[in-house]
Amino acid sequence: MGKTIRNTYTYNGKDYPCCASLTMGVIGGKWKTVILYHLMDGTLRYNELRKLMPTVTERTLSLQLKKLEEDHIIERKVYTKKPPLKVEYKLTTLGETLIPLIRSIADWGNSVS
């Protein structure tokens, strides 16, 4: 059984040379997978994510969250009714499809460490 070959894969207005490249473009990098790992179990506030990821800078965390939101992997909800302002993040339905992949990545890391 052979592979079906496509010239490019397009997602969210960006072209990728293969499906693996698309996946890594969306979840790759030092922090995106860590963010997704922590959001697998449910909704977290920004400060909860910061505590779970103490070595990430606020700027980097904010940028990575924004990129994941732009790619429709996470959802950001802002509550403004009562001070203080509350911002929560959770996986979207599309983001939830990544859970088996994130679990496999974590399992692999556990097996080699």
PDB file of N, CA and C in Angstrom:
ATOM      1  N   MET A   1       0.843  -1.176   0.000  1.00  0.00           N
ATOM      2  CA  MET A   1       0.000   0.000   0.000  1.00  0.00           C
ATOM      3  C   MET A   1       0.890   1.241   0.000  1.00  0.00           C
ATOM      4  N   GLY A   2       0.705   2.111  -0.978  1.00  0.00           N
ATOM      5  CA  GLY A   2       1.542   3.289  -1.096  1.00  0.00           C
ATOM      6  C   GLY A   2       0.919   4.518  -0.451  1.00  0.00           C
ATOM      7  N   LYS A   3       1.741   5.527  -0.271  1.00  0.00           N
ATOM      8  CA  LYS A   3       1.276   6.795   0.295  1.00  0.00           C
ATOM      9  C   LYS A   3       0.654   7.649  -0.798  1.00  0.00           C
ATOM     10  N   THR A   4      -0.374   8.383  -0.427  1.00  0.00           N
ATOM     11  CA  THR A   4      -0.918   9.390  -1.319  1.00  0.00           C
ATOM     12  C   THR A   4      -0.055  10.631  -1.156  1.00  0.00           C
ATOM     13  N   ILE A   5       0.458  11.128  -2.265  1.00  0.00           N
ATOM     14  CA  ILE A   5       1.366  12.267  -2.192  1.00  0.00           C
ATOM     15  C   ILE A   5       0.631  13.536  -2.597  1.00  0.00           C
ATOM     16  N   ARG A   6       0.758  14.535  -1.740  1.00  0.00           N
ATOM     17  CA  ARG A   6       0.214  15.856  -2.018  1.00  0.00           C
ATOM     18  C   ARG A   6       1.370  16.837  -2.047  1.00  0.00           C
ATOM     19  N   ASN A   7       1.223  17.872  -2.841  1.00  0.00           N
ATOM     20  CA  ASN A   7       2.284  18.875  -2.926  1.00  0.00           C
ATOM     21  C   ASN A   7       2.383  19.706  -1.664  1.00  0.00           C
ATOM     22  N   THR A   8       1.238  20.136  -1.134  1.00  0.00           N
ATOM     23  CA  THR A   8       1.248  20.931   0.085  1.00  0.00           C
ATOM     24  C   THR A   8      -0.007  20.645   0.898  1.00  0.00           C
ATOM     25  N   TYR A   9       0.089  20.966   2.170  1.00  0.00           N
ATOM     26  CA  TYR A   9      -1.042  20.907   3.087  1.00  0.00           C
ATOM     27  C   TYR A   9      -1.228  22.324   3.598  1.00  0.00           C
ATOM     28  N   THR A  10      -2.447  22.795   3.553  1.00  0.00           N
ATOM     29  CA  THR A  10      -2.724  24.155   3.999  1.00  0.00           C
ATOM     30  C   THR A  10      -3.583  24.113   5.248  1.00  0.00           C
ATOM     31  N   TYR A  11      -3.165  24.873   6.251  1.00  0.00           N
ATOM     32  CA  TYR A  11      -3.943  24.979   7.477  1.00  0.00           C
ATOM     33  C   TYR A  11      -3.862  26.415   7.972  1.00  0.00           C
ATOM     34  N   ASN A  12      -5.012  26.984   8.264  1.00  0.00           N
ATOM     35  CA  ASN A  12      -5.085  28.330   8.834  1.00  0.00           C
ATOM     36  C   ASN A  12      -4.296  29.354   8.002  1.00  0.00           C
ATOM     37  N   GLY A  13      -4.375  29.204   6.674  1.00  0.00           N
ATOM     38  CA  GLY A  13      -3.737  30.149   5.770  1.00  0.00           C
ATOM     39  C   GLY A  13      -2.254  29.940   5.527  1.00  0.00           C
ATOM     40  N   LYS A  14      -1.695  28.864   6.056  1.00  0.00           N
ATOM     41  CA  LYS A  14      -0.264  28.617   5.885  1.00  0.00           C
ATOM     42  C   LYS A  14      -0.062  27.266   5.198  1.00  0.00           C
ATOM     43  N   ASP A  15       0.893  27.212   4.267  1.00  0.00           N
ATOM     44  CA  ASP A  15       1.189  25.976   3.534  1.00  0.00           C
ATOM     45  C   ASP A  15       2.331  25.214   4.195  1.00  0.00           C
ATOM     46  N   TYR A  16       2.184  23.894   4.198  1.00  0.00           N
ATOM     47  CA  TYR A  16       3.196  22.997   4.771  1.00  0.00           C
ATOM     48  C   TYR A  16       3.546  21.945   3.726  1.00  0.00           C
ATOM     49  N   PRO A  17       4.808  21.493   3.689  1.00  0.00           N
ATOM     50  CA  PRO A  17       5.216  20.530   2.663  1.00  0.00           C
ATOM     51  C   PRO A  17       4.693  19.106   2.885  1.00  0.00           C
ATOM     52  N   CYS A  18       4.294  18.779   4.118  1.00  0.00           N
ATOM     53  CA  CYS A  18       3.751  17.448   4.395  1.00  0.00           C
ATOM     54  C   CYS A  18       2.883  17.507   5.643  1.00  0.00           C
ATOM     55  N   CYS A  19       2.125  16.438   5.883  1.00  0.00           N
ATOM     56  CA  CYS A  19       1.213  16.437   7.027  1.00  0.00           C
ATOM     57  C   CYS A  19       1.972  16.473   8.354  1.00  0.00           C
ATOM     58  N   ALA A  20       3.143  15.841   8.422  1.00  0.00           N
ATOM     59  CA  ALA A  20       3.941  15.879   9.654  1.00  0.00           C
ATOM     60  C   ALA A  20       4.437  17.293   9.928  1.00  0.00           C
ATOM     61  N   SER A  21       4.799  17.999   8.878  1.00  0.00           N
ATOM     62  CA  SER A  21       5.244  19.379   9.021  1.00  0.00           C
ATOM     63  C   SER A  21       4.111  20.272   9.513  1.00  0.00           C
ATOM     64  N   LEU A  22       2.900  20.030   9.028  1.00  0.00           N
ATOM     65  CA  LEU A  22       1.733  20.782   9.492  1.00  0.00           C
ATOM     66  C   LEU A  22       1.545  20.558  10.994  1.00  0.00           C
ATOM     67  N   THR A  23       1.574  19.304  11.413  1.00  0.00           N
ATOM     68  CA  THR A  23       1.398  18.984  12.834  1.00  0.00           C
ATOM     69  C   THR A  23       2.450  19.665  13.682  1.00  0.00           C
ATOM     70  N   MET A  24       3.703  19.557  13.280  1.00  0.00           N
ATOM     71  CA  MET A  24       4.776  20.171  14.060  1.00  0.00           C
ATOM     72  C   MET A  24       4.711  21.693  13.995  1.00  0.00           C
ATOM     73  N   GLY A  25       4.216  22.242  12.903  1.00  0.00           N
ATOM     74  CA  GLY A  25       4.048  23.685  12.813  1.00  0.00           C
ATOM     75  C   GLY A  25       3.030  24.207  13.811  1.00  0.00           C
ATOM     76  N   VAL A  26       2.009  23.396  14.074  1.00  0.00           N
ATOM     77  CA  VAL A  26       0.960  23.807  15.000  1.00  0.00           C
ATOM     78  C   VAL A  26       1.348  23.546  16.451  1.00  0.00           C
ATOM     79  N   ILE A  27       1.968  22.395  16.748  1.00  0.00           N
ATOM     80  CA  ILE A  27       2.250  22.051  18.151  1.00  0.00           C
ATOM     81  C   ILE A  27       3.727  22.025  18.507  1.00  0.00           C
ATOM     82  N   GLY A  28       4.591  22.242  17.532  1.00  0.00           N
ATOM     83  CA  GLY A  28       6.024  22.142  17.785  1.00  0.00           C
ATOM     84  C   GLY A  28       6.579  23.325  18.563  1.00  0.00           C
ATOM     85  N   GLY A  29       7.816  23.191  18.936  1.00  0.00           N
ATOM     86  CA  GLY A  29       8.478  24.240  19.712  1.00  0.00           C
ATOM     87  C   GLY A  29       8.638  23.802  21.152  1.00  0.00           C
ATOM     88  N   LYS A  30       9.310  24.616  21.898  1.00  0.00           N
ATOM     89  CA  LYS A  30       9.646  24.261  23.279  1.00  0.00           C
ATOM     90  C   LYS A  30       8.454  24.268  24.218  1.00  0.00           C
ATOM     91  N   TRP A  31       7.463  25.156  24.003  1.00  0.00           N
ATOM     92  CA  TRP A  31       6.419  25.344  25.006  1.00  0.00           C
ATOM     93  C   TRP A  31       5.010  24.911  24.606  1.00  0.00           C
ATOM     94  N   LYS A  32       4.697  24.863  23.324  1.00  0.00           N
ATOM     95  CA  LYS A  32       3.327  24.544  22.925  1.00  0.00           C
ATOM     96  C   LYS A  32       2.885  23.173  23.435  1.00  0.00           C
ATOM     97  N   THR A  33       3.722  22.180  23.277  1.00  0.00           N
ATOM     98  CA  THR A  33       3.359  20.832  23.720  1.00  0.00           C
ATOM     99  C   THR A  33       3.207  20.785  25.239  1.00  0.00           C
ATOM    100  N   VAL A  34       4.028  21.534  25.954  1.00  0.00           N
ATOM    101  CA  VAL A  34       3.915  21.589  27.416  1.00  0.00           C
ATOM    102  C   VAL A  34       2.580  22.219  27.815  1.00  0.00           C
ATOM    103  N   ILE A  35       2.196  23.291  27.138  1.00  0.00           N
ATOM    104  CA  ILE A  35       0.906  23.928  27.405  1.00  0.00           C
ATOM    105  C   ILE A  35      -0.220  22.927  27.163  1.00  0.00           C
ATOM    106  N   LEU A  36      -0.180  22.247  26.030  1.00  0.00           N
ATOM    107  CA  LEU A  36      -1.221  21.269  25.699  1.00  0.00           C
ATOM    108  C   LEU A  36      -1.252  20.127  26.707  1.00  0.00           C
ATOM    109  N   TYR A  37      -0.086  19.703  27.152  1.00  0.00           N
ATOM    110  CA  TYR A  37      -0.001  18.638  28.157  1.00  0.00           C
ATOM    111  C   TYR A  37      -0.761  19.038  29.427  1.00  0.00           C
ATOM    112  N   HIS A  38      -0.574  20.257  29.864  1.00  0.00           N
ATOM    113  CA  HIS A  38      -1.243  20.721  31.080  1.00  0.00           C
ATOM    114  C   HIS A  38      -2.736  20.959  30.869  1.00  0.00           C
ATOM    115  N   LEU A  39      -3.133  21.304  29.664  1.00  0.00           N
ATOM    116  CA  LEU A  39      -4.551  21.550  29.394  1.00  0.00           C
ATOM    117  C   LEU A  39      -5.339  20.270  29.080  1.00  0.00           C
ATOM    118  N   MET A  40      -4.647  19.152  28.942  1.00  0.00           N
ATOM    119  CA  MET A  40      -5.338  17.885  28.656  1.00  0.00           C
ATOM    120  C   MET A  40      -6.360  17.531  29.730  1.00  0.00           C
ATOM    121  N   ASP A  41      -6.071  17.881  30.964  1.00  0.00           N
ATOM    122  CA  ASP A  41      -6.948  17.501  32.077  1.00  0.00           C
ATOM    123  C   ASP A  41      -8.043  18.522  32.357  1.00  0.00           C
ATOM    124  N   GLY A  42      -8.072  19.620  31.618  1.00  0.00           N
ATOM    125  CA  GLY A  42      -9.148  20.585  31.805  1.00  0.00           C
ATOM    126  C   GLY A  42      -8.685  22.023  31.740  1.00  0.00           C
ATOM    127  N   THR A  43      -9.605  22.894  32.019  1.00  0.00           N
ATOM    128  CA  THR A  43      -9.408  24.338  31.941  1.00  0.00           C
ATOM    129  C   THR A  43      -8.441  24.827  33.018  1.00  0.00           C
ATOM    130  N   LEU A  44      -7.560  25.746  32.616  1.00  0.00           N
ATOM    131  CA  LEU A  44      -6.628  26.365  33.561  1.00  0.00           C
ATOM    132  C   LEU A  44      -6.601  27.865  33.348  1.00  0.00           C
ATOM    133  N   ARG A  45      -6.407  28.582  34.442  1.00  0.00           N
ATOM    134  CA  ARG A  45      -6.219  30.029  34.371  1.00  0.00           C
ATOM    135  C   ARG A  45      -4.765  30.313  33.990  1.00  0.00           C
ATOM    136  N   TYR A  46      -4.545  31.519  33.506  1.00  0.00           N
ATOM    137  CA  TYR A  46      -3.199  31.916  33.084  1.00  0.00           C
ATOM    138  C   TYR A  46      -2.178  31.708  34.205  1.00  0.00           C
ATOM    139  N   ASN A  47      -2.497  32.170  35.416  1.00  0.00           N
ATOM    140  CA  ASN A  47      -1.552  32.045  36.531  1.00  0.00           C
ATOM    141  C   ASN A  47      -1.314  30.595  36.931  1.00  0.00           C
ATOM    142  N   GLU A  48      -2.304  29.738  36.742  1.00  0.00           N
ATOM    143  CA  GLU A  48      -2.099  28.306  37.017  1.00  0.00           C
ATOM    144  C   GLU A  48      -1.095  27.724  36.033  1.00  0.00           C
ATOM    145  N   LEU A  49      -1.207  28.106  34.766  1.00  0.00           N
ATOM    146  CA  LEU A  49      -0.223  27.659  33.774  1.00  0.00           C
ATOM    147  C   LEU A  49       1.163  28.167  34.124  1.00  0.00           C
ATOM    148  N   ARG A  50       1.276  29.421  34.540  1.00  0.00           N
ATOM    149  CA  ARG A  50       2.577  29.990  34.927  1.00  0.00           C
ATOM    150  C   ARG A  50       3.216  29.188  36.058  1.00  0.00           C
ATOM    151  N   LYS A  51       2.405  28.789  37.042  1.00  0.00           N
ATOM    152  CA  LYS A  51       2.937  28.011  38.158  1.00  0.00           C
ATOM    153  C   LYS A  51       3.397  26.626  37.714  1.00  0.00           C
ATOM    154  N   LEU A  52       2.695  26.040  36.750  1.00  0.00           N
ATOM    155  CA  LEU A  52       3.056  24.719  36.238  1.00  0.00           C
ATOM    156  C   LEU A  52       4.293  24.778  35.338  1.00  0.00           C
ATOM    157  N   MET A  53       4.600  25.972  34.835  1.00  0.00           N
ATOM    158  CA  MET A  53       5.708  26.163  33.898  1.00  0.00           C
ATOM    159  C   MET A  53       6.593  27.309  34.402  1.00  0.00           C
ATOM    160  N   PRO A  54       7.257  27.129  35.528  1.00  0.00           N
ATOM    161  CA  PRO A  54       7.967  28.251  36.166  1.00  0.00           C
ATOM    162  C   PRO A  54       9.138  28.811  35.364  1.00  0.00           C
ATOM    163  N   THR A  55       9.676  28.068  34.413  1.00  0.00           N
ATOM    164  CA  THR A  55      10.843  28.567  33.680  1.00  0.00           C
ATOM    165  C   THR A  55      10.478  29.320  32.400  1.00  0.00           C
ATOM    166  N   VAL A  56       9.206  29.328  32.023  1.00  0.00           N
ATOM    167  CA  VAL A  56       8.800  30.073  30.834  1.00  0.00           C
ATOM    168  C   VAL A  56       8.587  31.538  31.215  1.00  0.00           C
ATOM    169  N   THR A  57       8.988  32.432  30.336  1.00  0.00           N
ATOM    170  CA  THR A  57       8.754  33.853  30.605  1.00  0.00           C
ATOM    171  C   THR A  57       7.289  34.181  30.320  1.00  0.00           C
ATOM    172  N   GLU A  58       6.809  35.244  30.936  1.00  0.00           N
ATOM    173  CA  GLU A  58       5.421  35.663  30.707  1.00  0.00           C
ATOM    174  C   GLU A  58       5.192  35.997  29.243  1.00  0.00           C
ATOM    175  N   ARG A  59       6.136  36.657  28.642  1.00  0.00           N
ATOM    176  CA  ARG A  59       6.019  37.037  27.228  1.00  0.00           C
ATOM    177  C   ARG A  59       5.910  35.799  26.342  1.00  0.00           C
ATOM    178  N   THR A  60       6.784  34.826  26.570  1.00  0.00           N
ATOM    179  CA  THR A  60       6.768  33.608  25.762  1.00  0.00           C
ATOM    180  C   THR A  60       5.472  32.838  25.962  1.00  0.00           C
ATOM    181  N   LEU A  61       5.035  32.696  27.202  1.00  0.00           N
ATOM    182  CA  LEU A  61       3.786  31.991  27.469  1.00  0.00           C
ATOM    183  C   LEU A  61       2.627  32.690  26.763  1.00  0.00           C
ATOM    184  N   SER A  62       2.557  33.992  26.861  1.00  0.00           N
ATOM    185  CA  SER A  62       1.485  34.750  26.214  1.00  0.00           C
ATOM    186  C   SER A  62       1.508  34.553  24.695  1.00  0.00           C
ATOM    187  N   LEU A  63       2.688  34.612  24.105  1.00  0.00           N
ATOM    188  CA  LEU A  63       2.812  34.435  22.655  1.00  0.00           C
ATOM    189  C   LEU A  63       2.405  33.029  22.225  1.00  0.00           C
ATOM    190  N   GLN A  64       2.836  32.018  22.966  1.00  0.00           N
ATOM    191  CA  GLN A  64       2.501  30.642  22.600  1.00  0.00           C
ATOM    192  C   GLN A  64       1.005  30.372  22.759  1.00  0.00           C
ATOM    193  N   LEU A  65       0.411  30.917  23.822  1.00  0.00           N
ATOM    194  CA  LEU A  65      -1.032  30.774  24.000  1.00  0.00           C
ATOM    195  C   LEU A  65      -1.772  31.443  22.843  1.00  0.00           C
ATOM    196  N   LYS A  66      -1.303  32.607  22.434  1.00  0.00           N
ATOM    197  CA  LYS A  66      -1.941  33.324  21.329  1.00  0.00           C
ATOM    198  C   LYS A  66      -1.846  32.516  20.032  1.00  0.00           C
ATOM    199  N   LYS A  67      -0.691  31.924  19.766  1.00  0.00           N
ATOM    200  CA  LYS A  67      -0.518  31.118  18.548  1.00  0.00           C
ATOM    201  C   LYS A  67      -1.429  29.892  18.567  1.00  0.00           C
ATOM    202  N   LEU A  68      -1.514  29.230  19.711  1.00  0.00           N
ATOM    203  CA  LEU A  68      -2.404  28.065  19.817  1.00  0.00           C
ATOM    204  C   LEU A  68      -3.860  28.473  19.642  1.00  0.00           C
ATOM    205  N   GLU A  69      -4.207  29.641  20.134  1.00  0.00           N
ATOM    206  CA  GLU A  69      -5.572  30.140  19.962  1.00  0.00           C
ATOM    207  C   GLU A  69      -5.829  30.477  18.488  1.00  0.00           C
ATOM    208  N   GLU A  70      -4.882  31.110  17.828  1.00  0.00           N
ATOM    209  CA  GLU A  70      -5.025  31.450  16.406  1.00  0.00           C
ATOM    210  C   GLU A  70      -5.181  30.191  15.547  1.00  0.00           C
ATOM    211  N   ASP A  71      -4.542  29.105  15.966  1.00  0.00           N
ATOM    212  CA  ASP A  71      -4.629  27.837  15.235  1.00  0.00           C
ATOM    213  C   ASP A  71      -5.835  26.996  15.664  1.00  0.00           C
ATOM    214  N   HIS A  72      -6.690  27.563  16.504  1.00  0.00           N
ATOM    215  CA  HIS A  72      -7.936  26.915  16.936  1.00  0.00           C
ATOM    216  C   HIS A  72      -7.700  25.644  17.759  1.00  0.00           C
ATOM    217  N   ILE A  73      -6.574  25.600  18.464  1.00  0.00           N
ATOM    218  CA  ILE A  73      -6.231  24.450  19.300  1.00  0.00           C
ATOM    219  C   ILE A  73      -6.690  24.685  20.736  1.00  0.00           C
ATOM    220  N   ILE A  74      -6.623  25.922  21.183  1.00  0.00           N
ATOM    221  CA  ILE A  74      -7.125  26.262  22.514  1.00  0.00           C
ATOM    222  C   ILE A  74      -8.128  27.407  22.401  1.00  0.00           C
ATOM    223  N   GLU A  75      -8.919  27.538  23.438  1.00  0.00           N
ATOM    224  CA  GLU A  75      -9.904  28.611  23.527  1.00  0.00           C
ATOM    225  C   GLU A  75      -9.583  29.454  24.746  1.00  0.00           C
ATOM    226  N   ARG A  76      -9.677  30.753  24.575  1.00  0.00           N
ATOM    227  CA  ARG A  76      -9.425  31.703  25.659  1.00  0.00           C
ATOM    228  C   ARG A  76     -10.750  32.332  26.046  1.00  0.00           C
ATOM    229  N   LYS A  77     -11.068  32.295  27.326  1.00  0.00           N
ATOM    230  CA  LYS A  77     -12.303  32.899  27.799  1.00  0.00           C
ATOM    231  C   LYS A  77     -11.955  33.926  28.869  1.00  0.00           C
ATOM    232  N   VAL A  78     -12.464  35.143  28.672  1.00  0.00           N
ATOM    233  CA  VAL A  78     -12.204  36.237  29.596  1.00  0.00           C
ATOM    234  C   VAL A  78     -13.477  36.522  30.377  1.00  0.00           C
ATOM    235  N   TYR A  79     -13.343  36.553  31.701  1.00  0.00           N
ATOM    236  CA  TYR A  79     -14.459  36.891  32.584  1.00  0.00           C
ATOM    237  C   TYR A  79     -14.208  38.292  33.130  1.00  0.00           C
ATOM    238  N   THR A  80     -15.130  39.198  32.855  1.00  0.00           N
ATOM    239  CA  THR A  80     -14.927  40.589  33.274  1.00  0.00           C
ATOM    240  C   THR A  80     -16.002  41.085  34.235  1.00  0.00           C
ATOM    241  N   LYS A  81     -16.930  40.225  34.623  1.00  0.00           N
ATOM    242  CA  LYS A  81     -18.029  40.673  35.477  1.00  0.00           C
ATOM    243  C   LYS A  81     -17.572  41.142  36.847  1.00  0.00           C
ATOM    244  N   LYS A  82     -16.653  40.423  37.447  1.00  0.00           N
ATOM    245  CA  LYS A  82     -16.170  40.800  38.774  1.00  0.00           C
ATOM    246  C   LYS A  82     -14.664  41.006  38.713  1.00  0.00           C
ATOM    247  N   PRO A  83     -14.185  42.060  39.317  1.00  0.00           N
ATOM    248  CA  PRO A  83     -12.725  42.153  39.447  1.00  0.00           C
ATOM    249  C   PRO A  83     -12.254  41.095  40.435  1.00  0.00           C
ATOM    250  N   PRO A  84     -11.093  40.557  40.326  1.00  0.00           N
ATOM    251  CA  PRO A  84     -10.132  40.807  39.265  1.00  0.00           C
ATOM    252  C   PRO A  84     -10.514  40.062  37.972  1.00  0.00           C
ATOM    253  N   LEU A  85      -9.974  40.555  36.871  1.00  0.00           N
ATOM    254  CA  LEU A  85     -10.163  39.946  35.572  1.00  0.00           C
ATOM    255  C   LEU A  85      -9.691  38.499  35.626  1.00  0.00           C
ATOM    256  N   LYS A  86     -10.463  37.614  35.034  1.00  0.00           N
ATOM    257  CA  LYS A  86     -10.100  36.194  35.046  1.00  0.00           C
ATOM    258  C   LYS A  86     -10.031  35.711  33.604  1.00  0.00           C
ATOM    259  N   VAL A  87      -8.930  35.048  33.239  1.00  0.00           N
ATOM    260  CA  VAL A  87      -8.749  34.500  31.901  1.00  0.00           C
ATOM    261  C   VAL A  87      -8.485  33.003  32.047  1.00  0.00           C
ATOM    262  N   GLU A  88      -9.263  32.215  31.314  1.00  0.00           N
ATOM    263  CA  GLU A  88      -9.104  30.758  31.343  1.00  0.00           C
ATOM    264  C   GLU A  88      -8.805  30.240  29.943  1.00  0.00           C
ATOM    265  N   TYR A  89      -8.073  29.128  29.917  1.00  0.00           N
ATOM    266  CA  TYR A  89      -7.717  28.479  28.663  1.00  0.00           C
ATOM    267  C   TYR A  89      -8.161  27.027  28.732  1.00  0.00           C
ATOM    268  N   LYS A  90      -8.662  26.528  27.593  1.00  0.00           N
ATOM    269  CA  LYS A  90      -9.014  25.118  27.507  1.00  0.00           C
ATOM    270  C   LYS A  90      -8.834  24.661  26.074  1.00  0.00           C
ATOM    271  N   LEU A  91      -8.729  23.358  25.898  1.00  0.00           N
ATOM    272  CA  LEU A  91      -8.620  22.799  24.563  1.00  0.00           C
ATOM    273  C   LEU A  91      -9.943  22.950  23.831  1.00  0.00           C
ATOM    274  N   THR A  92      -9.860  23.236  22.547  1.00  0.00           N
ATOM    275  CA  THR A  92     -11.050  23.223  21.709  1.00  0.00           C
ATOM    276  C   THR A  92     -11.341  21.773  21.330  1.00  0.00           C
ATOM    277  N   THR A  93     -12.419  21.560  20.617  1.00  0.00           N
ATOM    278  CA  THR A  93     -12.715  20.210  20.124  1.00  0.00           C
ATOM    279  C   THR A  93     -11.572  19.713  19.244  1.00  0.00           C
ATOM    280  N   LEU A  94     -11.044  20.593  18.398  1.00  0.00           N
ATOM    281  CA  LEU A  94      -9.896  20.236  17.566  1.00  0.00           C
ATOM    282  C   LEU A  94      -8.686  19.937  18.437  1.00  0.00           C
ATOM    283  N   GLY A  95      -8.455  20.756  19.445  1.00  0.00           N
ATOM    284  CA  GLY A  95      -7.337  20.537  20.358  1.00  0.00           C
ATOM    285  C   GLY A  95      -7.435  19.206  21.085  1.00  0.00           C
ATOM    286  N   GLU A  96      -8.640  18.802  21.429  1.00  0.00           N
ATOM    287  CA  GLU A  96      -8.838  17.520  22.118  1.00  0.00           C
ATOM    288  C   GLU A  96      -8.425  16.341  21.247  1.00  0.00           C
ATOM    289  N   THR A  97      -8.451  16.499  19.933  1.00  0.00           N
ATOM    290  CA  THR A  97      -8.010  15.408  19.052  1.00  0.00           C
ATOM    291  C   THR A  97      -6.503  15.174  19.172  1.00  0.00           C
ATOM    292  N   LEU A  98      -5.783  16.132  19.767  1.00  0.00           N
ATOM    293  CA  LEU A  98      -4.335  15.986  19.960  1.00  0.00           C
ATOM    294  C   LEU A  98      -3.981  15.219  21.238  1.00  0.00           C
ATOM    295  N   ILE A  99      -4.953  14.968  22.108  1.00  0.00           N
ATOM    296  CA  ILE A  99      -4.663  14.312  23.393  1.00  0.00           C
ATOM    297  C   ILE A  99      -3.936  12.979  23.223  1.00  0.00           C
ATOM    298  N   PRO A 100      -4.380  12.069  22.339  1.00  0.00           N
ATOM    299  CA  PRO A 100      -3.615  10.812  22.189  1.00  0.00           C
ATOM    300  C   PRO A 100      -2.166  11.050  21.765  1.00  0.00           C
ATOM    301  N   LEU A 101      -1.949  12.036  20.900  1.00  0.00           N
ATOM    302  CA  LEU A 101      -0.592  12.353  20.462  1.00  0.00           C
ATOM    303  C   LEU A 101       0.246  12.898  21.613  1.00  0.00           C
ATOM    304  N   ILE A 102      -0.315  13.817  22.392  1.00  0.00           N
ATOM    305  CA  ILE A 102       0.414  14.394  23.528  1.00  0.00           C
ATOM    306  C   ILE A 102       0.712  13.306  24.563  1.00  0.00           C
ATOM    307  N   ARG A 103      -0.247  12.416  24.803  1.00  0.00           N
ATOM    308  CA  ARG A 103      -0.006  11.304  25.739  1.00  0.00           C
ATOM    309  C   ARG A 103       1.113  10.403  25.236  1.00  0.00           C
ATOM    310  N   SER A 104       1.127  10.118  23.945  1.00  0.00           N
ATOM    311  CA  SER A 104       2.201   9.286  23.373  1.00  0.00           C
ATOM    312  C   SER A 104       3.553   9.964  23.516  1.00  0.00           C
ATOM    313  N   ILE A 105       3.594  11.267  23.285  1.00  0.00           N
ATOM    314  CA  ILE A 105       4.849  12.012  23.447  1.00  0.00           C
ATOM    315  C   ILE A 105       5.307  11.939  24.905  1.00  0.00           C
ATOM    316  N   ALA A 106       4.375  12.116  25.849  1.00  0.00           N
ATOM    317  CA  ALA A 106       4.725  12.052  27.273  1.00  0.00           C
ATOM    318  C   ALA A 106       5.167  10.634  27.661  1.00  0.00           C
ATOM    319  N   ASP A 107       4.484   9.620  27.152  1.00  0.00           N
ATOM    320  CA  ASP A 107       4.862   8.238  27.450  1.00  0.00           C
ATOM    321  C   ASP A 107       6.259   7.932  26.944  1.00  0.00           C
ATOM    322  N   TRP A 108       6.571   8.409  25.744  1.00  0.00           N
ATOM    323  CA  TRP A 108       7.901   8.192  25.193  1.00  0.00           C
ATOM    324  C   TRP A 108       8.956   8.858  26.071  1.00  0.00           C
ATOM    325  N   GLY A 109       8.680  10.078  26.505  1.00  0.00           N
ATOM    326  CA  GLY A 109       9.615  10.786  27.388  1.00  0.00           C
ATOM    327  C   GLY A 109       9.824  10.051  28.699  1.00  0.00           C
ATOM    328  N   ASN A 110       8.750   9.501  29.258  1.00  0.00           N
ATOM    329  CA  ASN A 110       8.870   8.720  30.496  1.00  0.00           C
ATOM    330  C   ASN A 110       9.692   7.459  30.280  1.00  0.00           C
ATOM    331  N   SER A 111       9.579   6.843  29.111  1.00  0.00           N
ATOM    332  CA  SER A 111      10.267   5.576  28.865  1.00  0.00           C
ATOM    333  C   SER A 111      11.769   5.739  28.677  1.00  0.00           C
ATOM    334  N   VAL A 112      12.212   6.914  28.265  1.00  0.00           N
ATOM    335  CA  VAL A 112      13.651   7.106  28.014  1.00  0.00           C
ATOM    336  C   VAL A 112      14.352   7.882  29.119  1.00  0.00           C
ATOM    337  N   SER A 113      13.591   8.376  30.086  1.00  0.00           N
ATOM    338  CA  SER A 113      14.251   9.167  31.138  1.00  0.00           C
ATOM    339  C   SER A 113      14.542   8.350  32.366  1.00  0.00           C
TER     340      SER A 113
END
